[in-house]
Amino acid sequence: MISFASMVISVFALAASCDAARSGESQAETARTEAARRGLLEVSSVSAYLTDTLKGTVKDGDAPDKQVTGLSGPLVDIAVRNRGSGDALIERVSVNVALSESLSSCWAEGGPLRTTADYKIGIPLSKKPPFTKTENILFTVKAGETDRFTLTVGPDAQDAGPIPWIGVVTIRLQDIDGSDLDIGPIALVDTGEDPHFHPEGFSWKIDKPENPSCMRLNARSVAEVMRIPGITPSKEFAALHRALRPYR
């Protein structure tokens, strides 16, 4: 009887051991399956244009600053598709600034009134490119789906002036699993607030400059950006290039 009982206990112990092994293998397989479920982002489309939904500040000499809404500024609109089997979580966006400059003022300067917009990525005009600015975000793209990502990029409020600003940037979206998605180069233009030189409808208002050679410098700067291989100009940047054609 004792021998028989020992045999039964051994059989039960062997069965439990086999169950534990199968459970361990199942857990390991589940872990491998979950590890294989990763996001795989690709760019579906990219465009840039002015938005009129920005907040900002009005400065008028020694008067207190006034907070305003409805300001215009450049926005980058990116559609990304997740071709992977798991969700993609973008945790960081880095903007590499290849060019950042204000165009030349070809008329007499105005008064002390100045309106500046606030951007997600504010670019300091005092800093010489190339340089990178990084922002932490949380943006999820589910497996098999396409979603849009927008980012406002423009001159820092402390440095912005009345003359239009132009910039060339590339954007890197960093997934939580360490993979990167590079987008660009993209040409952007900020309107400034010069009544002689600003976007108007689908074109630009450019009054006769006091010094034509000044506007030729602007035309040259814009044309050089348009010659960058693979450049994606914002709608307003492309319109500015066309409007400056008489000065090239």
C-alpha atoms as a PDB file:
ATOM      1  CA  MET A   1       0.000   0.000   0.000  1.00  0.00           C
ATOM      2  CA  ILE A   2       2.794   2.420   0.845  1.00  0.00           C
ATOM      3  CA  SER A   3       4.521   1.670  -2.464  1.00  0.00           C
ATOM      4  CA  PHE A   4       1.294   2.228  -4.415  1.00  0.00           C
ATOM      5  CA  ALA A   5       0.671   5.541  -2.645  1.00  0.00           C
ATOM      6  CA  SER A   6       4.217   6.668  -3.428  1.00  0.00           C
ATOM      7  CA  MET A   7       3.666   5.839  -7.079  1.00  0.00           C
ATOM      8  CA  VAL A   8       0.402   7.834  -7.177  1.00  0.00           C
ATOM      9  CA  ILE A   9       2.082  10.836  -5.564  1.00  0.00           C
ATOM     10  CA  SER A  10       4.936  10.621  -8.089  1.00  0.00           C
ATOM     11  CA  VAL A  11       2.483  10.580 -10.991  1.00  0.00           C
ATOM     12  CA  PHE A  12       0.673  13.636  -9.592  1.00  0.00           C
ATOM     13  CA  ALA A  13       3.989  15.431  -9.077  1.00  0.00           C
ATOM     14  CA  LEU A  14       5.026  14.651 -12.673  1.00  0.00           C
ATOM     15  CA  ALA A  15       1.699  15.929 -13.985  1.00  0.00           C
ATOM     16  CA  ALA A  16       2.008  19.126 -11.951  1.00  0.00           C
ATOM     17  CA  SER A  17       5.520  19.587 -13.245  1.00  0.00           C
ATOM     18  CA  CYS A  18       4.328  19.167 -16.842  1.00  0.00           C
ATOM     19  CA  ASP A  19       1.484  21.651 -16.243  1.00  0.00           C
ATOM     20  CA  ALA A  20       3.945  24.179 -14.817  1.00  0.00           C
ATOM     21  CA  ALA A  21       6.242  23.714 -17.799  1.00  0.00           C
ATOM     22  CA  ARG A  22       3.355  24.182 -20.236  1.00  0.00           C
ATOM     23  CA  SER A  23       2.238  27.281 -18.317  1.00  0.00           C
ATOM     24  CA  GLY A  24       5.761  28.699 -18.461  1.00  0.00           C
ATOM     25  CA  GLU A  25       5.982  28.004 -22.193  1.00  0.00           C
ATOM     26  CA  SER A  26       2.570  29.640 -22.698  1.00  0.00           C
ATOM     27  CA  GLN A  27       3.643  32.729 -20.764  1.00  0.00           C
ATOM     28  CA  ALA A  28       6.874  32.918 -22.725  1.00  0.00           C
ATOM     29  CA  GLU A  29       4.977  32.611 -26.007  1.00  0.00           C
ATOM     30  CA  THR A  30       2.555  35.333 -24.892  1.00  0.00           C
ATOM     31  CA  ALA A  31       5.486  37.555 -24.025  1.00  0.00           C
ATOM     32  CA  ARG A  32       7.052  36.906 -27.444  1.00  0.00           C
ATOM     33  CA  THR A  33       3.747  37.659 -29.160  1.00  0.00           C
ATOM     34  CA  GLU A  34       3.286  40.890 -27.232  1.00  0.00           C
ATOM     35  CA  ALA A  35       6.860  41.904 -27.975  1.00  0.00           C
ATOM     36  CA  ALA A  36       6.215  41.345 -31.671  1.00  0.00           C
ATOM     37  CA  ARG A  37       3.181  43.653 -31.534  1.00  0.00           C
ATOM     38  CA  ARG A  38       4.914  46.920 -32.321  1.00  0.00           C
ATOM     39  CA  GLY A  39       3.900  50.077 -34.094  1.00  0.00           C
ATOM     40  CA  LEU A  40       5.358  50.862 -37.512  1.00  0.00           C
ATOM     41  CA  LEU A  41       4.740  54.467 -38.557  1.00  0.00           C
ATOM     42  CA  GLU A  42       4.964  55.902 -42.062  1.00  0.00           C
ATOM     43  CA  VAL A  43       4.086  59.339 -43.448  1.00  0.00           C
ATOM     44  CA  SER A  44       0.808  59.458 -45.380  1.00  0.00           C
ATOM     45  CA  SER A  45       0.941  63.194 -46.165  1.00  0.00           C
ATOM     46  CA  VAL A  46       2.558  66.415 -45.006  1.00  0.00           C
ATOM     47  CA  SER A  47       1.532  70.017 -45.639  1.00  0.00           C
ATOM     48  CA  ALA A  48       2.111  73.411 -44.072  1.00  0.00           C
ATOM     49  CA  TYR A  49       0.000  76.541 -44.016  1.00  0.00           C
ATOM     50  CA  LEU A  50      -0.980  79.519 -41.867  1.00  0.00           C
ATOM     51  CA  THR A  51      -3.475  78.978 -39.081  1.00  0.00           C
ATOM     52  CA  ASP A  52      -5.427  81.785 -37.424  1.00  0.00           C
ATOM     53  CA  THR A  53      -6.061  80.063 -34.099  1.00  0.00           C
ATOM     54  CA  LEU A  54      -2.940  81.028 -32.161  1.00  0.00           C
ATOM     55  CA  LYS A  55      -2.775  82.860 -28.857  1.00  0.00           C
ATOM     56  CA  GLY A  56      -0.297  85.660 -28.389  1.00  0.00           C
ATOM     57  CA  THR A  57       0.616  89.027 -26.927  1.00  0.00           C
ATOM     58  CA  VAL A  58       0.187  92.639 -28.001  1.00  0.00           C
ATOM     59  CA  LYS A  59       2.933  95.018 -26.834  1.00  0.00           C
ATOM     60  CA  ASP A  60       2.312  98.759 -27.153  1.00  0.00           C
ATOM     61  CA  GLY A  61       5.203 100.781 -25.827  1.00  0.00           C
ATOM     62  CA  ASP A  62       5.066 101.084 -22.044  1.00  0.00           C
ATOM     63  CA  ALA A  63       1.424  99.937 -21.823  1.00  0.00           C
ATOM     64  CA  PRO A  64       0.723  96.590 -20.094  1.00  0.00           C
ATOM     65  CA  ASP A  65       0.896  93.534 -22.367  1.00  0.00           C
ATOM     66  CA  LYS A  66      -2.453  92.375 -23.704  1.00  0.00           C
ATOM     67  CA  GLN A  67      -3.231  88.683 -24.292  1.00  0.00           C
ATOM     68  CA  VAL A  68      -5.106  88.023 -27.545  1.00  0.00           C
ATOM     69  CA  THR A  69      -6.359  85.098 -29.628  1.00  0.00           C
ATOM     70  CA  GLY A  70      -6.943  84.514 -33.328  1.00  0.00           C
ATOM     71  CA  LEU A  71      -3.387  85.283 -34.442  1.00  0.00           C
ATOM     72  CA  SER A  72      -1.897  83.851 -37.632  1.00  0.00           C
ATOM     73  CA  GLY A  73       1.198  81.680 -37.800  1.00  0.00           C
ATOM     74  CA  PRO A  74       2.719  78.661 -39.577  1.00  0.00           C
ATOM     75  CA  LEU A  75       1.390  75.184 -38.836  1.00  0.00           C
ATOM     76  CA  VAL A  76       2.720  71.807 -40.027  1.00  0.00           C
ATOM     77  CA  ASP A  77       0.009  69.189 -40.668  1.00  0.00           C
ATOM     78  CA  ILE A  78       1.247  65.573 -40.766  1.00  0.00           C
ATOM     79  CA  ALA A  79      -0.805  62.420 -41.389  1.00  0.00           C
ATOM     80  CA  VAL A  80       0.875  59.206 -40.194  1.00  0.00           C
ATOM     81  CA  ARG A  81      -0.211  55.605 -40.703  1.00  0.00           C
ATOM     82  CA  ASN A  82       0.592  52.756 -38.340  1.00  0.00           C
ATOM     83  CA  ARG A  83       1.369  49.635 -40.399  1.00  0.00           C
ATOM     84  CA  GLY A  84       2.465  47.635 -37.358  1.00  0.00           C
ATOM     85  CA  SER A  85       0.541  45.037 -35.335  1.00  0.00           C
ATOM     86  CA  GLY A  86       0.579  47.118 -32.136  1.00  0.00           C
ATOM     87  CA  ASP A  87      -0.180  50.701 -31.163  1.00  0.00           C
ATOM     88  CA  ALA A  88       2.481  53.342 -31.802  1.00  0.00           C
ATOM     89  CA  LEU A  89       3.031  55.901 -29.058  1.00  0.00           C
ATOM     90  CA  ILE A  90       4.902  59.043 -30.092  1.00  0.00           C
ATOM     91  CA  GLU A  91       6.553  60.433 -26.977  1.00  0.00           C
ATOM     92  CA  ARG A  92       8.842  63.109 -28.374  1.00  0.00           C
ATOM     93  CA  VAL A  93       9.020  65.496 -31.311  1.00  0.00           C
ATOM     94  CA  SER A  94      12.297  67.105 -32.353  1.00  0.00           C
ATOM     95  CA  VAL A  95      12.490  70.014 -34.788  1.00  0.00           C
ATOM     96  CA  ASN A  96      15.845  70.572 -36.478  1.00  0.00           C
ATOM     97  CA  VAL A  97      16.154  74.150 -37.680  1.00  0.00           C
ATOM     98  CA  ALA A  98      18.284  74.406 -40.825  1.00  0.00           C
ATOM     99  CA  LEU A  99      17.411  78.034 -41.626  1.00  0.00           C
ATOM    100  CA  SER A 100      15.794  80.805 -39.606  1.00  0.00           C
ATOM    101  CA  GLU A 101      15.867  84.457 -40.613  1.00  0.00           C
ATOM    102  CA  SER A 102      13.746  87.563 -40.923  1.00  0.00           C
ATOM    103  CA  LEU A 103      13.413  88.990 -44.402  1.00  0.00           C
ATOM    104  CA  SER A 104      14.718  92.503 -45.074  1.00  0.00           C
ATOM    105  CA  SER A 105      12.572  95.521 -44.293  1.00  0.00           C
ATOM    106  CA  CYS A 106      12.236  97.633 -47.439  1.00  0.00           C
ATOM    107  CA  TRP A 107      10.166 100.443 -45.917  1.00  0.00           C
ATOM    108  CA  ALA A 108      10.387 102.816 -42.967  1.00  0.00           C
ATOM    109  CA  GLU A 109       9.819 101.137 -39.599  1.00  0.00           C
ATOM    110  CA  GLY A 110       6.411 101.524 -37.922  1.00  0.00           C
ATOM    111  CA  GLY A 111       5.562 102.439 -34.359  1.00  0.00           C
ATOM    112  CA  PRO A 112       6.091 100.548 -31.089  1.00  0.00           C
ATOM    113  CA  LEU A 113       2.936  98.405 -31.445  1.00  0.00           C
ATOM    114  CA  ARG A 114       3.911  94.749 -31.864  1.00  0.00           C
ATOM    115  CA  THR A 115       1.849  91.548 -31.907  1.00  0.00           C
ATOM    116  CA  THR A 116       3.541  88.172 -31.437  1.00  0.00           C
ATOM    117  CA  ALA A 117       2.106  84.656 -31.494  1.00  0.00           C
ATOM    118  CA  ASP A 118       2.966  81.737 -29.210  1.00  0.00           C
ATOM    119  CA  TYR A 119       4.156  78.526 -30.897  1.00  0.00           C
ATOM    120  CA  LYS A 120       4.498  74.940 -29.718  1.00  0.00           C
ATOM    121  CA  ILE A 121       8.050  75.170 -31.032  1.00  0.00           C
ATOM    122  CA  GLY A 122       9.321  78.726 -30.657  1.00  0.00           C
ATOM    123  CA  ILE A 123      12.520  79.376 -32.623  1.00  0.00           C
ATOM    124  CA  PRO A 124      14.930  81.914 -31.101  1.00  0.00           C
ATOM    125  CA  LEU A 125      16.140  84.253 -33.846  1.00  0.00           C
ATOM    126  CA  SER A 126      19.241  85.013 -31.802  1.00  0.00           C
ATOM    127  CA  LYS A 127      20.427  81.411 -32.237  1.00  0.00           C
ATOM    128  CA  LYS A 128      22.298  80.526 -35.408  1.00  0.00           C
ATOM    129  CA  PRO A 129      21.167  77.335 -37.226  1.00  0.00           C
ATOM    130  CA  PRO A 130      21.522  74.436 -37.348  1.00  0.00           C
ATOM    131  CA  PHE A 131      20.097  73.521 -33.959  1.00  0.00           C
ATOM    132  CA  THR A 132      17.354  71.279 -32.574  1.00  0.00           C
ATOM    133  CA  LYS A 133      14.415  71.943 -30.260  1.00  0.00           C
ATOM    134  CA  THR A 134      12.653  69.000 -28.584  1.00  0.00           C
ATOM    135  CA  GLU A 135       9.208  68.765 -27.019  1.00  0.00           C
ATOM    136  CA  ASN A 136       7.780  65.857 -24.984  1.00  0.00           C
ATOM    137  CA  ILE A 137       4.308  64.772 -26.130  1.00  0.00           C
ATOM    138  CA  LEU A 138       1.945  61.782 -25.960  1.00  0.00           C
ATOM    139  CA  PHE A 139       0.267  60.873 -29.247  1.00  0.00           C
ATOM    140  CA  THR A 140      -1.065  57.365 -29.967  1.00  0.00           C
ATOM    141  CA  VAL A 141      -1.706  55.901 -33.425  1.00  0.00           C
ATOM    142  CA  LYS A 142      -3.595  52.608 -33.211  1.00  0.00           C
ATOM    143  CA  ALA A 143      -2.552  49.583 -35.275  1.00  0.00           C
ATOM    144  CA  GLY A 144      -3.782  49.753 -38.866  1.00  0.00           C
ATOM    145  CA  GLU A 145      -5.069  53.324 -38.531  1.00  0.00           C
ATOM    146  CA  THR A 146      -4.101  56.764 -39.864  1.00  0.00           C
ATOM    147  CA  ASP A 147      -4.113  59.844 -37.679  1.00  0.00           C
ATOM    148  CA  ARG A 148      -3.071  63.483 -37.988  1.00  0.00           C
ATOM    149  CA  PHE A 149      -0.439  65.328 -36.038  1.00  0.00           C
ATOM    150  CA  THR A 150      -0.147  69.139 -36.117  1.00  0.00           C
ATOM    151  CA  LEU A 151       2.632  71.345 -34.825  1.00  0.00           C
ATOM    152  CA  THR A 152       2.971  75.123 -34.776  1.00  0.00           C
ATOM    153  CA  VAL A 153       6.503  76.361 -35.499  1.00  0.00           C
ATOM    154  CA  GLY A 154       7.596  79.986 -35.667  1.00  0.00           C
ATOM    155  CA  PRO A 155       9.844  82.721 -34.273  1.00  0.00           C
ATOM    156  CA  ASP A 156       9.990  82.979 -30.510  1.00  0.00           C
ATOM    157  CA  ALA A 157       7.786  85.744 -29.140  1.00  0.00           C
ATOM    158  CA  GLN A 158      10.792  87.452 -27.559  1.00  0.00           C
ATOM    159  CA  ASP A 159      12.565  87.740 -30.923  1.00  0.00           C
ATOM    160  CA  ALA A 160       9.741  88.129 -33.442  1.00  0.00           C
ATOM    161  CA  GLY A 161       9.691  91.353 -35.423  1.00  0.00           C
ATOM    162  CA  PRO A 162       7.317  93.077 -37.852  1.00  0.00           C
ATOM    163  CA  ILE A 163       8.947  91.664 -40.999  1.00  0.00           C
ATOM    164  CA  PRO A 164       8.019  88.185 -42.342  1.00  0.00           C
ATOM    165  CA  TRP A 165      10.215  85.350 -41.081  1.00  0.00           C
ATOM    166  CA  ILE A 166      11.254  82.309 -43.130  1.00  0.00           C
ATOM    167  CA  GLY A 167      12.500  78.979 -41.841  1.00  0.00           C
ATOM    168  CA  VAL A 168      13.445  75.502 -43.037  1.00  0.00           C
ATOM    169  CA  VAL A 169      12.918  72.619 -40.622  1.00  0.00           C
ATOM    170  CA  THR A 170      12.933  68.840 -40.488  1.00  0.00           C
ATOM    171  CA  ILE A 171      10.812  67.041 -37.911  1.00  0.00           C
ATOM    172  CA  ARG A 172      11.578  63.770 -36.102  1.00  0.00           C
ATOM    173  CA  LEU A 173       8.807  61.836 -34.373  1.00  0.00           C
ATOM    174  CA  GLN A 174      10.196  59.445 -31.767  1.00  0.00           C
ATOM    175  CA  ASP A 175       8.180  56.356 -30.828  1.00  0.00           C
ATOM    176  CA  ILE A 176       8.311  54.965 -27.305  1.00  0.00           C
ATOM    177  CA  ASP A 177       9.989  51.797 -28.637  1.00  0.00           C
ATOM    178  CA  GLY A 178      12.918  53.856 -29.911  1.00  0.00           C
ATOM    179  CA  SER A 179      12.039  54.039 -33.597  1.00  0.00           C
ATOM    180  CA  ASP A 180      12.161  57.404 -35.378  1.00  0.00           C
ATOM    181  CA  LEU A 181      10.195  58.900 -38.251  1.00  0.00           C
ATOM    182  CA  ASP A 182      11.861  61.795 -40.102  1.00  0.00           C
ATOM    183  CA  ILE A 183       9.774  64.348 -42.014  1.00  0.00           C
ATOM    184  CA  GLY A 184      10.920  67.218 -44.215  1.00  0.00           C
ATOM    185  CA  PRO A 185      12.560  69.485 -45.151  1.00  0.00           C
ATOM    186  CA  ILE A 186       9.668  71.941 -44.858  1.00  0.00           C
ATOM    187  CA  ALA A 187       9.761  75.662 -45.736  1.00  0.00           C
ATOM    188  CA  LEU A 188       7.699  77.925 -43.486  1.00  0.00           C
ATOM    189  CA  VAL A 189       6.881  81.627 -43.462  1.00  0.00           C
ATOM    190  CA  ASP A 190       5.475  83.762 -40.665  1.00  0.00           C
ATOM    191  CA  THR A 191       3.499  86.834 -41.722  1.00  0.00           C
ATOM    192  CA  GLY A 192       4.957  89.515 -39.506  1.00  0.00           C
ATOM    193  CA  GLU A 193       2.802  92.629 -39.336  1.00  0.00           C
ATOM    194  CA  ASP A 194       4.196  94.993 -41.970  1.00  0.00           C
ATOM    195  CA  PRO A 195       1.277  96.688 -43.809  1.00  0.00           C
ATOM    196  CA  HIS A 196       3.463  96.919 -46.935  1.00  0.00           C
ATOM    197  CA  PHE A 197       4.429  93.238 -47.065  1.00  0.00           C
ATOM    198  CA  HIS A 198       2.047  90.458 -45.975  1.00  0.00           C
ATOM    199  CA  PRO A 199      -0.136  87.588 -47.284  1.00  0.00           C
ATOM    200  CA  GLU A 200      -3.371  88.620 -48.928  1.00  0.00           C
ATOM    201  CA  GLY A 201      -5.753  85.880 -50.013  1.00  0.00           C
ATOM    202  CA  PHE A 202      -3.859  83.381 -52.162  1.00  0.00           C
ATOM    203  CA  SER A 203      -1.038  85.836 -52.891  1.00  0.00           C
ATOM    204  CA  TRP A 204       1.033  88.519 -51.154  1.00  0.00           C
ATOM    205  CA  LYS A 205       0.639  92.275 -50.940  1.00  0.00           C
ATOM    206  CA  ILE A 206       4.022  93.826 -51.738  1.00  0.00           C
ATOM    207  CA  ASP A 207       4.049  97.612 -52.063  1.00  0.00           C
ATOM    208  CA  LYS A 208       6.658  99.320 -54.191  1.00  0.00           C
ATOM    209  CA  PRO A 209       9.796  99.198 -52.045  1.00  0.00           C
ATOM    210  CA  GLU A 210      11.750 102.314 -51.197  1.00  0.00           C
ATOM    211  CA  ASN A 211      14.845 100.424 -52.281  1.00  0.00           C
ATOM    212  CA  PRO A 212      14.306  97.786 -55.031  1.00  0.00           C
ATOM    213  CA  SER A 213      17.629  96.070 -54.269  1.00  0.00           C
ATOM    214  CA  CYS A 214      16.277  95.336 -50.771  1.00  0.00           C
ATOM    215  CA  MET A 215      13.410  93.309 -52.209  1.00  0.00           C
ATOM    216  CA  ARG A 216      15.797  91.557 -54.577  1.00  0.00           C
ATOM    217  CA  LEU A 217      17.614  90.238 -51.488  1.00  0.00           C
ATOM    218  CA  ASN A 218      14.324  88.846 -50.194  1.00  0.00           C
ATOM    219  CA  ALA A 219      13.569  87.257 -53.572  1.00  0.00           C
ATOM    220  CA  ARG A 220      17.016  85.624 -53.592  1.00  0.00           C
ATOM    221  CA  SER A 221      16.612  84.218 -50.064  1.00  0.00           C
ATOM    222  CA  VAL A 222      13.224  82.675 -50.894  1.00  0.00           C
ATOM    223  CA  ALA A 223      14.441  81.287 -54.241  1.00  0.00           C
ATOM    224  CA  GLU A 224      17.418  79.590 -52.550  1.00  0.00           C
ATOM    225  CA  VAL A 225      15.061  77.773 -50.175  1.00  0.00           C
ATOM    226  CA  MET A 226      12.878  76.611 -53.069  1.00  0.00           C
ATOM    227  CA  ARG A 227      15.952  75.002 -54.663  1.00  0.00           C
ATOM    228  CA  ILE A 228      16.569  72.741 -51.641  1.00  0.00           C
ATOM    229  CA  PRO A 229      16.133  69.102 -52.817  1.00  0.00           C
ATOM    230  CA  GLY A 230      12.873  67.553 -51.594  1.00  0.00           C
ATOM    231  CA  ILE A 231      11.596  70.785 -50.027  1.00  0.00           C
ATOM    232  CA  THR A 232       7.902  70.961 -49.072  1.00  0.00           C
ATOM    233  CA  PRO A 233       6.932  74.644 -48.990  1.00  0.00           C
ATOM    234  CA  SER A 234       3.945  75.885 -47.049  1.00  0.00           C
ATOM    235  CA  LYS A 235       1.156  77.262 -49.226  1.00  0.00           C
ATOM    236  CA  GLU A 236       2.063  80.811 -48.248  1.00  0.00           C
ATOM    237  CA  PHE A 237       5.788  80.234 -48.843  1.00  0.00           C
ATOM    238  CA  ALA A 238       5.089  79.023 -52.385  1.00  0.00           C
ATOM    239  CA  ALA A 239       2.819  82.048 -52.927  1.00  0.00           C
ATOM    240  CA  LEU A 240       5.594  84.358 -51.680  1.00  0.00           C
ATOM    241  CA  HIS A 241       8.029  82.778 -54.149  1.00  0.00           C
ATOM    242  CA  ARG A 242       5.606  83.542 -56.985  1.00  0.00           C
ATOM    243  CA  ALA A 243       4.937  87.089 -55.737  1.00  0.00           C
ATOM    244  CA  LEU A 244       8.665  87.882 -55.647  1.00  0.00           C
ATOM    245  CA  ARG A 245       9.193  86.774 -59.260  1.00  0.00           C
ATOM    246  CA  PRO A 246       9.401  90.395 -60.598  1.00  0.00           C
ATOM    247  CA  TYR A 247      12.396  91.042 -58.312  1.00  0.00           C
ATOM    248  CA  ARG A 248      14.452  88.005 -59.336  1.00  0.00           C
END
